[in-house]
Amino acid sequence: MNYTLVGMGVGAFLAFMAFAFGFWAFLIALIFIAIGAILGRAMDGKLDLRGVIDALTGRRSSS
């Protein structure tokens, strides 16, 4: 099992908790699962969060 699946599992668990507490549960579930998947990909080493943050803030990288 890789970290992406673990991250998605954690996100799904948090989303389940959100279902119990709100009207916008489906939207919150999607957000939690996406965050879990992104963090899992970063832990796997398949996603460079620093590069993503730099791209979102408008900084350019040399690579």
N, C-alpha and C. Protein backbone atom coordinates (compact mmCIF):
# COMPACT_ATOMS: atom_id res chain seq x y z
N MET A 1 0.85 -1.17 0.00
CA MET A 1 0.00 0.00 0.00
C MET A 1 0.90 1.24 0.00
N ASN A 2 0.62 2.17 -0.88
CA ASN A 2 1.46 3.36 -0.94
C ASN A 2 0.81 4.52 -0.18
N TYR A 3 1.56 5.60 -0.07
CA TYR A 3 1.09 6.73 0.71
C TYR A 3 -0.09 7.44 0.06
N THR A 4 -0.22 7.34 -1.26
CA THR A 4 -1.37 7.95 -1.91
C THR A 4 -2.66 7.29 -1.43
N LEU A 5 -2.67 5.96 -1.36
CA LEU A 5 -3.86 5.27 -0.87
C LEU A 5 -4.11 5.55 0.60
N VAL A 6 -3.04 5.63 1.37
CA VAL A 6 -3.19 5.94 2.80
C VAL A 6 -3.76 7.35 2.95
N GLY A 7 -3.24 8.29 2.17
CA GLY A 7 -3.74 9.66 2.23
C GLY A 7 -5.20 9.75 1.82
N MET A 8 -5.57 9.00 0.80
CA MET A 8 -6.97 8.99 0.39
C MET A 8 -7.85 8.35 1.45
N GLY A 9 -7.34 7.33 2.12
CA GLY A 9 -8.09 6.71 3.21
C GLY A 9 -8.31 7.66 4.36
N VAL A 10 -7.27 8.41 4.71
CA VAL A 10 -7.40 9.41 5.78
C VAL A 10 -8.40 10.48 5.35
N GLY A 11 -8.29 10.91 4.10
CA GLY A 11 -9.23 11.91 3.60
C GLY A 11 -10.66 11.40 3.63
N ALA A 12 -10.85 10.12 3.26
CA ALA A 12 -12.18 9.53 3.28
C ALA A 12 -12.72 9.45 4.71
N PHE A 13 -11.85 9.10 5.66
CA PHE A 13 -12.28 9.06 7.07
C PHE A 13 -12.70 10.45 7.55
N LEU A 14 -11.91 11.46 7.22
CA LEU A 14 -12.26 12.82 7.62
C LEU A 14 -13.55 13.28 6.93
N ALA A 15 -13.72 12.85 5.69
CA ALA A 15 -14.94 13.19 4.97
C ALA A 15 -16.15 12.53 5.62
N PHE A 16 -16.00 11.28 6.05
CA PHE A 16 -17.08 10.60 6.76
C PHE A 16 -17.47 11.38 8.01
N MET A 17 -16.48 11.90 8.71
CA MET A 17 -16.76 12.71 9.89
C MET A 17 -17.51 13.99 9.49
N ALA A 18 -17.17 14.55 8.35
CA ALA A 18 -17.86 15.75 7.89
C ALA A 18 -19.31 15.46 7.54
N PHE A 19 -19.59 14.24 7.01
CA PHE A 19 -20.97 13.87 6.68
C PHE A 19 -21.88 13.94 7.90
N ALA A 20 -21.33 13.64 9.04
CA ALA A 20 -22.14 13.62 10.25
C ALA A 20 -22.49 15.02 10.74
N PHE A 21 -21.80 16.04 10.20
CA PHE A 21 -21.96 17.38 10.79
C PHE A 21 -22.43 18.48 9.85
N GLY A 22 -22.76 18.17 8.58
CA GLY A 22 -23.12 19.34 7.79
C GLY A 22 -23.89 19.07 6.53
N PHE A 23 -24.48 20.14 6.02
CA PHE A 23 -25.27 20.12 4.79
C PHE A 23 -24.40 19.99 3.56
N TRP A 24 -23.26 20.61 3.56
CA TRP A 24 -22.36 20.60 2.41
C TRP A 24 -21.39 19.43 2.48
N ALA A 25 -21.84 18.32 3.00
CA ALA A 25 -20.97 17.17 3.25
C ALA A 25 -20.31 16.62 1.99
N PHE A 26 -21.03 16.58 0.88
CA PHE A 26 -20.45 16.05 -0.34
C PHE A 26 -19.28 16.91 -0.80
N LEU A 27 -19.45 18.22 -0.78
CA LEU A 27 -18.37 19.12 -1.17
C LEU A 27 -17.19 19.02 -0.22
N ILE A 28 -17.47 18.96 1.05
CA ILE A 28 -16.41 18.83 2.04
C ILE A 28 -15.69 17.49 1.87
N ALA A 29 -16.43 16.44 1.55
CA ALA A 29 -15.82 15.13 1.33
C ALA A 29 -14.85 15.19 0.16
N LEU A 30 -15.25 15.82 -0.93
CA LEU A 30 -14.35 15.94 -2.08
C LEU A 30 -13.08 16.71 -1.73
N ILE A 31 -13.24 17.76 -0.95
CA ILE A 31 -12.08 18.56 -0.56
C ILE A 31 -11.14 17.75 0.33
N PHE A 32 -11.68 17.04 1.31
CA PHE A 32 -10.84 16.24 2.20
C PHE A 32 -10.13 15.11 1.45
N ILE A 33 -10.83 14.46 0.56
CA ILE A 33 -10.21 13.37 -0.20
C ILE A 33 -9.11 13.92 -1.11
N ALA A 34 -9.35 15.06 -1.73
CA ALA A 34 -8.33 15.67 -2.59
C ALA A 34 -7.10 16.07 -1.78
N ILE A 35 -7.32 16.66 -0.62
CA ILE A 35 -6.19 17.04 0.23
C ILE A 35 -5.41 15.80 0.67
N GLY A 36 -6.12 14.76 1.06
CA GLY A 36 -5.46 13.52 1.45
C GLY A 36 -4.65 12.91 0.31
N ALA A 37 -5.20 12.94 -0.89
CA ALA A 37 -4.49 12.40 -2.04
C ALA A 37 -3.25 13.23 -2.37
N ILE A 38 -3.37 14.54 -2.29
CA ILE A 38 -2.23 15.42 -2.59
C ILE A 38 -1.12 15.21 -1.57
N LEU A 39 -1.48 15.15 -0.30
CA LEU A 39 -0.46 14.92 0.73
C LEU A 39 0.16 13.54 0.59
N GLY A 40 -0.64 12.56 0.23
CA GLY A 40 -0.11 11.22 0.01
C GLY A 40 0.87 11.17 -1.15
N ARG A 41 0.55 11.87 -2.25
CA ARG A 41 1.46 11.92 -3.40
C ARG A 41 2.76 12.62 -3.02
N ALA A 42 2.66 13.64 -2.19
CA ALA A 42 3.86 14.34 -1.76
C ALA A 42 4.72 13.43 -0.89
N MET A 43 4.10 12.62 -0.03
CA MET A 43 4.87 11.70 0.81
C MET A 43 5.49 10.58 -0.01
N ASP A 44 4.84 10.20 -1.11
CA ASP A 44 5.40 9.19 -2.01
C ASP A 44 6.59 9.74 -2.79
N GLY A 45 6.72 11.05 -2.84
CA GLY A 45 7.78 11.67 -3.62
C GLY A 45 7.39 11.89 -5.07
N LYS A 46 6.11 11.76 -5.38
CA LYS A 46 5.63 11.93 -6.75
C LYS A 46 5.14 13.35 -7.01
N LEU A 47 5.13 14.20 -5.99
CA LEU A 47 4.66 15.57 -6.14
C LEU A 47 5.57 16.47 -5.32
N ASP A 48 6.09 17.51 -5.96
CA ASP A 48 6.95 18.48 -5.28
C ASP A 48 6.08 19.65 -4.84
N LEU A 49 5.73 19.67 -3.56
CA LEU A 49 4.86 20.72 -3.05
C LEU A 49 5.50 22.10 -3.16
N ARG A 50 6.81 22.18 -2.98
CA ARG A 50 7.48 23.47 -3.08
C ARG A 50 7.34 24.03 -4.49
N GLY A 51 7.47 23.16 -5.49
CA GLY A 51 7.30 23.58 -6.88
C GLY A 51 5.88 24.03 -7.17
N VAL A 52 4.91 23.33 -6.61
CA VAL A 52 3.50 23.71 -6.80
C VAL A 52 3.23 25.06 -6.16
N ILE A 53 3.72 25.25 -4.95
CA ILE A 53 3.52 26.53 -4.26
C ILE A 53 4.20 27.66 -5.01
N ASP A 54 5.42 27.41 -5.49
CA ASP A 54 6.12 28.42 -6.27
C ASP A 54 5.35 28.77 -7.55
N ALA A 55 4.79 27.78 -8.21
CA ALA A 55 4.02 28.03 -9.42
C ALA A 55 2.75 28.83 -9.12
N LEU A 56 2.10 28.53 -8.01
CA LEU A 56 0.88 29.24 -7.66
C LEU A 56 1.15 30.68 -7.25
N THR A 57 2.32 30.94 -6.67
CA THR A 57 2.65 32.31 -6.25
C THR A 57 3.33 33.09 -7.36
N GLY A 58 3.59 32.47 -8.49
CA GLY A 58 4.16 33.19 -9.63
C GLY A 58 5.67 33.15 -9.71
N ARG A 59 6.30 32.41 -8.84
CA ARG A 59 7.76 32.28 -8.90
C ARG A 59 8.13 31.27 -9.96
N ARG A 60 9.25 31.51 -10.60
CA ARG A 60 9.70 30.56 -11.62
C ARG A 60 10.81 29.72 -11.05
N SER A 61 10.88 28.48 -11.51
CA SER A 61 11.95 27.60 -11.05
C SER A 61 12.91 27.35 -12.21
N SER A 62 14.10 26.91 -11.90
CA SER A 62 15.12 26.67 -12.92
C SER A 62 15.02 25.27 -13.49
N SER A 63 14.17 24.44 -12.91
CA SER A 63 14.10 23.05 -13.40
C SER A 63 12.95 22.83 -14.35
